[in-house]
Amino acid sequence: MLAGFCVAFIALILGGQVADVSICTTGVTFGQISVLLFGISTALFTFASQRFIHAHEFNVWNLPEEYKRFLKQELKNQNKNWDSFLLKSDARCRRYEREARLGYNYGIFFMLAGLLSAIIPYNLVIAFFVAILGYLLEAWQLLR
């Protein structure tokens, strides 16, 4: 959903005045910076959703009992150890979930940076207020 928000915001930026406001005399516009940051954010959110889905494939702790019994029997038939299978699956699930969380959190930071660069041409104080509040709330969420 956040990736969709970023894509929609890119469309709004490209159609609005912020796309034309130059940063000093560099020729680079706030719109270009915003589009870049929202684009990176979109890629990170997409990566995160794919990793969460992949992590779900290895979540053996929420299997229905019928499937768990079937899986145990199948592993036994193949002379494989259930406990070893659980440990490997759990490790993969945790790794993919950790990668997804990193992608999501970095996506939030890039999205906030894109929002900052989109608001700056209109009001510097509001832009920094929104960005600082967003970064503080995200840092609080990350640290708890």
C-alpha atoms as a PDB file:
ATOM      1  CA  MET A   1       0.000   0.000   0.000  1.00  0.00           C
ATOM      2  CA  LEU A   2       2.827   2.386   0.834  1.00  0.00           C
ATOM      3  CA  ALA A   3       4.502   1.620  -2.485  1.00  0.00           C
ATOM      4  CA  GLY A   4       1.256   2.637  -4.207  1.00  0.00           C
ATOM      5  CA  PHE A   5       1.172   5.834  -2.177  1.00  0.00           C
ATOM      6  CA  CYS A   6       4.711   6.637  -3.308  1.00  0.00           C
ATOM      7  CA  VAL A   7       3.871   6.013  -6.959  1.00  0.00           C
ATOM      8  CA  ALA A   8       0.782   8.236  -6.663  1.00  0.00           C
ATOM      9  CA  PHE A   9       2.841  10.944  -4.994  1.00  0.00           C
ATOM     10  CA  ILE A  10       5.394  10.767  -7.826  1.00  0.00           C
ATOM     11  CA  ALA A  11       2.561  11.398 -10.293  1.00  0.00           C
ATOM     12  CA  LEU A  12       1.376  14.384  -8.251  1.00  0.00           C
ATOM     13  CA  ILE A  13       4.875  15.825  -8.049  1.00  0.00           C
ATOM     14  CA  LEU A  14       5.472  15.510 -11.771  1.00  0.00           C
ATOM     15  CA  GLY A  15       2.201  17.284 -12.469  1.00  0.00           C
ATOM     16  CA  GLY A  16       2.707  20.038  -9.890  1.00  0.00           C
ATOM     17  CA  GLN A  17       4.797  23.109  -9.311  1.00  0.00           C
ATOM     18  CA  VAL A  18       7.289  21.395  -6.988  1.00  0.00           C
ATOM     19  CA  ALA A  19       8.808  19.654 -10.020  1.00  0.00           C
ATOM     20  CA  ASP A  20       9.974  23.038 -11.375  1.00  0.00           C
ATOM     21  CA  VAL A  21      11.499  24.607  -8.233  1.00  0.00           C
ATOM     22  CA  SER A  22      15.286  24.568  -8.605  1.00  0.00           C
ATOM     23  CA  ILE A  23      17.624  23.986  -5.660  1.00  0.00           C
ATOM     24  CA  CYS A  24      19.838  27.080  -5.603  1.00  0.00           C
ATOM     25  CA  THR A  25      21.378  27.350  -9.069  1.00  0.00           C
ATOM     26  CA  THR A  26      22.258  23.686  -9.541  1.00  0.00           C
ATOM     27  CA  GLY A  27      19.561  22.920 -12.094  1.00  0.00           C
ATOM     28  CA  VAL A  28      18.385  20.068  -9.878  1.00  0.00           C
ATOM     29  CA  THR A  29      14.785  20.524  -8.780  1.00  0.00           C
ATOM     30  CA  PHE A  30      13.011  19.544  -5.601  1.00  0.00           C
ATOM     31  CA  GLY A  31      10.682  17.521  -7.796  1.00  0.00           C
ATOM     32  CA  GLN A  32      13.544  15.471  -9.187  1.00  0.00           C
ATOM     33  CA  ILE A  33      14.866  14.775  -5.693  1.00  0.00           C
ATOM     34  CA  SER A  34      11.366  13.847  -4.475  1.00  0.00           C
ATOM     35  CA  VAL A  35      10.777  11.506  -7.405  1.00  0.00           C
ATOM     36  CA  LEU A  36      14.149   9.840  -6.792  1.00  0.00           C
ATOM     37  CA  LEU A  37      13.458   9.354  -3.073  1.00  0.00           C
ATOM     38  CA  PHE A  38       9.881   8.147  -3.580  1.00  0.00           C
ATOM     39  CA  GLY A  39      11.124   5.811  -6.318  1.00  0.00           C
ATOM     40  CA  ILE A  40      13.708   4.271  -3.984  1.00  0.00           C
ATOM     41  CA  SER A  41      11.039   4.001  -1.311  1.00  0.00           C
ATOM     42  CA  THR A  42       8.704   2.208  -3.718  1.00  0.00           C
ATOM     43  CA  ALA A  43      11.423  -0.301  -4.577  1.00  0.00           C
ATOM     44  CA  LEU A  44      12.155  -0.922  -0.885  1.00  0.00           C
ATOM     45  CA  PHE A  45       8.472  -1.412  -0.014  1.00  0.00           C
ATOM     46  CA  THR A  46       8.100  -3.859  -2.906  1.00  0.00           C
ATOM     47  CA  PHE A  47      11.213  -5.733  -1.760  1.00  0.00           C
ATOM     48  CA  ALA A  48       9.869  -5.851   1.806  1.00  0.00           C
ATOM     49  CA  SER A  49       6.511  -7.270   0.762  1.00  0.00           C
ATOM     50  CA  GLN A  50       8.220  -9.958  -1.308  1.00  0.00           C
ATOM     51  CA  ARG A  51      10.476 -10.891   1.614  1.00  0.00           C
ATOM     52  CA  PHE A  52       7.540 -11.075   4.041  1.00  0.00           C
ATOM     53  CA  ILE A  53       5.736 -13.412   1.637  1.00  0.00           C
ATOM     54  CA  HIS A  54       8.873 -15.528   1.298  1.00  0.00           C
ATOM     55  CA  ALA A  55       9.289 -15.638   5.105  1.00  0.00           C
ATOM     56  CA  HIS A  56       5.713 -16.893   5.394  1.00  0.00           C
ATOM     57  CA  GLU A  57       6.620 -19.925   3.273  1.00  0.00           C
ATOM     58  CA  PHE A  58       9.051 -21.064   6.000  1.00  0.00           C
ATOM     59  CA  ASN A  59       6.839 -20.343   9.018  1.00  0.00           C
ATOM     60  CA  VAL A  60       6.466 -23.858  10.397  1.00  0.00           C
ATOM     61  CA  TRP A  61       5.108 -22.731  13.757  1.00  0.00           C
ATOM     62  CA  ASN A  62       1.625 -21.897  12.478  1.00  0.00           C
ATOM     63  CA  LEU A  63       1.003 -25.025  10.437  1.00  0.00           C
ATOM     64  CA  PRO A  64      -2.354 -26.766  10.806  1.00  0.00           C
ATOM     65  CA  GLU A  65      -2.038 -30.042  12.742  1.00  0.00           C
ATOM     66  CA  GLU A  66      -3.058 -32.181   9.770  1.00  0.00           C
ATOM     67  CA  TYR A  67      -0.326 -30.677   7.603  1.00  0.00           C
ATOM     68  CA  LYS A  68       2.223 -30.933  10.408  1.00  0.00           C
ATOM     69  CA  ARG A  69       1.487 -34.662  10.800  1.00  0.00           C
ATOM     70  CA  PHE A  70       1.752 -35.160   7.043  1.00  0.00           C
ATOM     71  CA  LEU A  71       5.050 -33.244   6.925  1.00  0.00           C
ATOM     72  CA  LYS A  72       6.518 -35.217   9.841  1.00  0.00           C
ATOM     73  CA  GLN A  73       5.575 -38.485   8.141  1.00  0.00           C
ATOM     74  CA  GLU A  74       6.997 -37.333   4.819  1.00  0.00           C
ATOM     75  CA  LEU A  75      10.292 -36.359   6.469  1.00  0.00           C
ATOM     76  CA  LYS A  76      10.374 -39.696   8.266  1.00  0.00           C
ATOM     77  CA  ASN A  77       9.862 -41.498   4.947  1.00  0.00           C
ATOM     78  CA  GLN A  78      12.833 -39.576   3.536  1.00  0.00           C
ATOM     79  CA  ASN A  79      14.977 -40.347   6.623  1.00  0.00           C
ATOM     80  CA  LYS A  80      15.131 -36.681   7.578  1.00  0.00           C
ATOM     81  CA  ASN A  81      14.998 -35.243  11.078  1.00  0.00           C
ATOM     82  CA  TRP A  82      11.934 -33.177  12.061  1.00  0.00           C
ATOM     83  CA  ASP A  83      13.860 -31.068  14.598  1.00  0.00           C
ATOM     84  CA  SER A  84      16.569 -30.261  12.063  1.00  0.00           C
ATOM     85  CA  PHE A  85      13.871 -29.327   9.542  1.00  0.00           C
ATOM     86  CA  LEU A  86      12.238 -27.014  12.122  1.00  0.00           C
ATOM     87  CA  LEU A  87      15.518 -25.277  12.930  1.00  0.00           C
ATOM     88  CA  LYS A  88      16.425 -24.719   9.265  1.00  0.00           C
ATOM     89  CA  SER A  89      12.947 -23.479   8.372  1.00  0.00           C
ATOM     90  CA  ASP A  90      12.816 -21.189  11.386  1.00  0.00           C
ATOM     91  CA  ALA A  91      16.238 -19.723  10.551  1.00  0.00           C
ATOM     92  CA  ARG A  92      15.159 -19.002   6.977  1.00  0.00           C
ATOM     93  CA  CYS A  93      11.871 -17.490   8.137  1.00  0.00           C
ATOM     94  CA  ARG A  94      13.664 -15.191  10.580  1.00  0.00           C
ATOM     95  CA  ARG A  95      16.270 -14.175   7.988  1.00  0.00           C
ATOM     96  CA  TYR A  96      13.647 -13.241   5.400  1.00  0.00           C
ATOM     97  CA  GLU A  97      11.580 -11.439   8.010  1.00  0.00           C
ATOM     98  CA  ARG A  98      14.646  -9.454   9.181  1.00  0.00           C
ATOM     99  CA  GLU A  99      15.435  -8.476   5.581  1.00  0.00           C
ATOM    100  CA  ALA A 100      11.812  -7.442   5.034  1.00  0.00           C
ATOM    101  CA  ARG A 101      11.804  -5.288   8.152  1.00  0.00           C
ATOM    102  CA  LEU A 102      15.006  -3.562   7.034  1.00  0.00           C
ATOM    103  CA  GLY A 103      13.568  -2.899   3.577  1.00  0.00           C
ATOM    104  CA  TYR A 104      10.349  -1.579   5.090  1.00  0.00           C
ATOM    105  CA  ASN A 105      12.109   0.682   7.598  1.00  0.00           C
ATOM    106  CA  TYR A 106      14.497   2.101   4.998  1.00  0.00           C
ATOM    107  CA  GLY A 107      11.500   2.587   2.706  1.00  0.00           C
ATOM    108  CA  ILE A 108       9.829   4.686   5.403  1.00  0.00           C
ATOM    109  CA  PHE A 109      12.949   6.822   5.805  1.00  0.00           C
ATOM    110  CA  PHE A 110      13.221   7.423   2.059  1.00  0.00           C
ATOM    111  CA  MET A 111       9.503   8.181   1.849  1.00  0.00           C
ATOM    112  CA  LEU A 112       9.838  10.786   4.602  1.00  0.00           C
ATOM    113  CA  ALA A 113      12.837  12.301   2.815  1.00  0.00           C
ATOM    114  CA  GLY A 114      10.799  12.463  -0.402  1.00  0.00           C
ATOM    115  CA  LEU A 115       7.979  14.138   1.480  1.00  0.00           C
ATOM    116  CA  LEU A 116      10.445  16.632   2.961  1.00  0.00           C
ATOM    117  CA  SER A 117      11.799  17.554  -0.457  1.00  0.00           C
ATOM    118  CA  ALA A 118       8.264  17.908  -1.840  1.00  0.00           C
ATOM    119  CA  ILE A 119       7.153  20.255   0.970  1.00  0.00           C
ATOM    120  CA  ILE A 120      10.297  22.451   1.186  1.00  0.00           C
ATOM    121  CA  PRO A 121       9.389  24.674  -1.815  1.00  0.00           C
ATOM    122  CA  TYR A 122       6.068  25.526  -0.164  1.00  0.00           C
ATOM    123  CA  ASN A 123       7.079  26.004   3.458  1.00  0.00           C
ATOM    124  CA  LEU A 124      10.459  25.208   5.006  1.00  0.00           C
ATOM    125  CA  VAL A 125       9.198  25.201   8.617  1.00  0.00           C
ATOM    126  CA  ILE A 126       6.313  22.833   7.889  1.00  0.00           C
ATOM    127  CA  ALA A 127       8.616  20.584   5.829  1.00  0.00           C
ATOM    128  CA  PHE A 128      11.099  20.170   8.670  1.00  0.00           C
ATOM    129  CA  PHE A 129       8.343  19.799  11.264  1.00  0.00           C
ATOM    130  CA  VAL A 130       6.735  16.977   9.281  1.00  0.00           C
ATOM    131  CA  ALA A 131      10.076  15.286   8.556  1.00  0.00           C
ATOM    132  CA  ILE A 132      11.396  15.526  12.121  1.00  0.00           C
ATOM    133  CA  LEU A 133       8.111  14.265  13.550  1.00  0.00           C
ATOM    134  CA  GLY A 134       8.088  11.379  11.058  1.00  0.00           C
ATOM    135  CA  TYR A 135      11.712  10.445  11.752  1.00  0.00           C
ATOM    136  CA  LEU A 136      11.216  10.613  15.518  1.00  0.00           C
ATOM    137  CA  LEU A 137       8.123   8.412  15.371  1.00  0.00           C
ATOM    138  CA  GLU A 138       9.885   5.916  13.109  1.00  0.00           C
ATOM    139  CA  ALA A 139      12.970   5.864  15.347  1.00  0.00           C
ATOM    140  CA  TRP A 140      10.728   5.334  18.390  1.00  0.00           C
ATOM    141  CA  GLN A 141       8.995   2.453  16.632  1.00  0.00           C
ATOM    142  CA  LEU A 142      12.333   0.905  15.606  1.00  0.00           C
ATOM    143  CA  LEU A 143      13.791   1.125  19.099  1.00  0.00           C
ATOM    144  CA  ARG A 144      10.857  -0.287  21.031  1.00  0.00           C
END
